[in-house]
Amino acid sequence: MFDLSIQEATLIQRKTEEIKKKLDEEFIKYSPSDNTIHITVSISRNIKEVEVSENVKINSIISILNEVLSKVRYIFEIKRAEMLQEELKK
């Protein structure tokens, strides 16, 4: 177990929130090969925009959203860990 002081724990929590805000400003754009759906998601896993062609059924978007969010979740965890590690070295 870690033996952190309240100050250290508070610092880590604050840095984690700052990192999340930074990653909320980085985006991934995704489109399947048929270009019927365009999705923009922030690295912090917030869906920013979904554009759909008229002929696309709403249910077909769900699997694509899940795929995109899964990829972004992975990227988020790695970037957050790297950024937090850098901040804690300072």
Protein backbone atom coordinates (compact mmCIF):
# COMPACT_ATOMS: atom_id res chain seq x y z
CA MET A 1 0.00 0.00 0.00
CA PHE A 2 0.96 3.59 -0.48
CA ASP A 3 1.66 5.80 2.47
CA LEU A 4 0.47 9.20 1.20
CA SER A 5 -0.11 12.30 3.22
CA ILE A 6 -3.35 14.23 2.77
CA GLN A 7 -1.39 16.93 0.93
CA GLU A 8 0.08 14.40 -1.50
CA ALA A 9 -3.29 12.77 -2.11
CA THR A 10 -4.88 16.18 -2.70
CA LEU A 11 -2.09 17.10 -5.13
CA ILE A 12 -2.56 13.86 -7.07
CA GLN A 13 -6.32 14.40 -7.22
CA ARG A 14 -5.88 18.00 -8.43
CA LYS A 15 -3.30 16.99 -11.05
CA THR A 16 -5.57 14.18 -12.24
CA GLU A 17 -8.43 16.66 -12.75
CA GLU A 18 -6.14 19.07 -14.60
CA ILE A 19 -4.99 16.24 -16.86
CA LYS A 20 -8.58 15.18 -17.54
CA LYS A 21 -9.42 18.77 -18.58
CA LYS A 22 -6.42 18.83 -20.94
CA LEU A 23 -7.42 15.51 -22.48
CA ASP A 24 -10.97 16.76 -22.91
CA GLU A 25 -9.53 19.25 -25.41
CA GLU A 26 -7.88 16.52 -27.56
CA PHE A 27 -10.14 14.83 -30.06
CA ILE A 28 -10.29 11.69 -32.13
CA LYS A 29 -12.42 11.69 -35.25
CA TYR A 30 -13.74 8.39 -36.51
CA SER A 31 -15.61 7.33 -39.64
CA PRO A 32 -16.27 3.86 -40.97
CA SER A 33 -15.05 3.21 -44.50
CA ASP A 34 -18.47 3.95 -46.02
CA ASN A 35 -18.42 7.48 -44.49
CA THR A 36 -22.05 7.27 -43.38
CA ILE A 37 -21.22 8.14 -39.77
CA HIS A 38 -18.74 10.68 -38.39
CA ILE A 39 -17.99 10.69 -34.68
CA THR A 40 -15.80 13.10 -32.71
CA VAL A 41 -14.80 12.02 -29.22
CA SER A 42 -12.45 13.69 -26.75
CA ILE A 43 -9.61 11.67 -25.29
CA SER A 44 -11.38 11.95 -21.93
CA ARG A 45 -14.23 9.95 -23.49
CA ASN A 46 -16.80 12.68 -24.03
CA ILE A 47 -18.74 12.43 -27.26
CA LYS A 48 -18.56 15.84 -28.90
CA GLU A 49 -20.30 15.28 -32.23
CA VAL A 50 -22.11 12.59 -34.17
CA GLU A 51 -23.06 13.13 -37.80
CA VAL A 52 -25.15 10.51 -39.58
CA SER A 53 -26.31 10.18 -43.18
CA GLU A 54 -30.06 10.07 -43.67
CA ASN A 55 -30.10 6.41 -44.62
CA VAL A 56 -28.40 5.22 -41.40
CA LYS A 57 -30.50 3.64 -38.69
CA ILE A 58 -29.83 4.92 -35.19
CA ASN A 59 -29.16 1.42 -33.82
CA SER A 60 -26.24 0.94 -36.19
CA ILE A 61 -24.44 3.79 -34.42
CA ILE A 62 -24.36 2.01 -31.06
CA SER A 63 -21.76 -0.60 -32.00
CA ILE A 64 -19.56 2.03 -33.65
CA LEU A 65 -19.81 4.29 -30.60
CA ASN A 66 -18.86 1.40 -28.33
CA GLU A 67 -15.85 0.62 -30.52
CA VAL A 68 -14.69 4.23 -30.57
CA LEU A 69 -15.19 4.68 -26.83
CA SER A 70 -13.24 1.50 -26.13
CA LYS A 71 -10.29 2.77 -28.18
CA VAL A 72 -10.46 6.19 -26.58
CA ARG A 73 -10.65 4.68 -23.08
CA TYR A 74 -7.38 2.87 -23.73
CA ILE A 75 -5.68 6.03 -25.06
CA PHE A 76 -7.05 8.05 -22.12
CA GLU A 77 -5.64 5.66 -19.50
CA ILE A 78 -2.19 5.66 -21.09
CA LYS A 79 -2.00 9.42 -21.61
CA ARG A 80 -3.35 10.16 -18.12
CA ALA A 81 -0.76 7.86 -16.53
CA GLU A 82 2.07 9.39 -18.57
CA MET A 83 1.00 12.95 -17.80
CA LEU A 84 0.50 12.26 -14.10
CA GLN A 85 3.90 10.60 -13.90
CA GLU A 86 5.48 13.69 -15.52
CA GLU A 87 3.66 16.04 -13.13
CA LEU A 88 4.73 14.07 -10.08
CA LYS A 89 8.39 14.23 -11.16
CA LYS A 90 8.32 18.03 -10.90
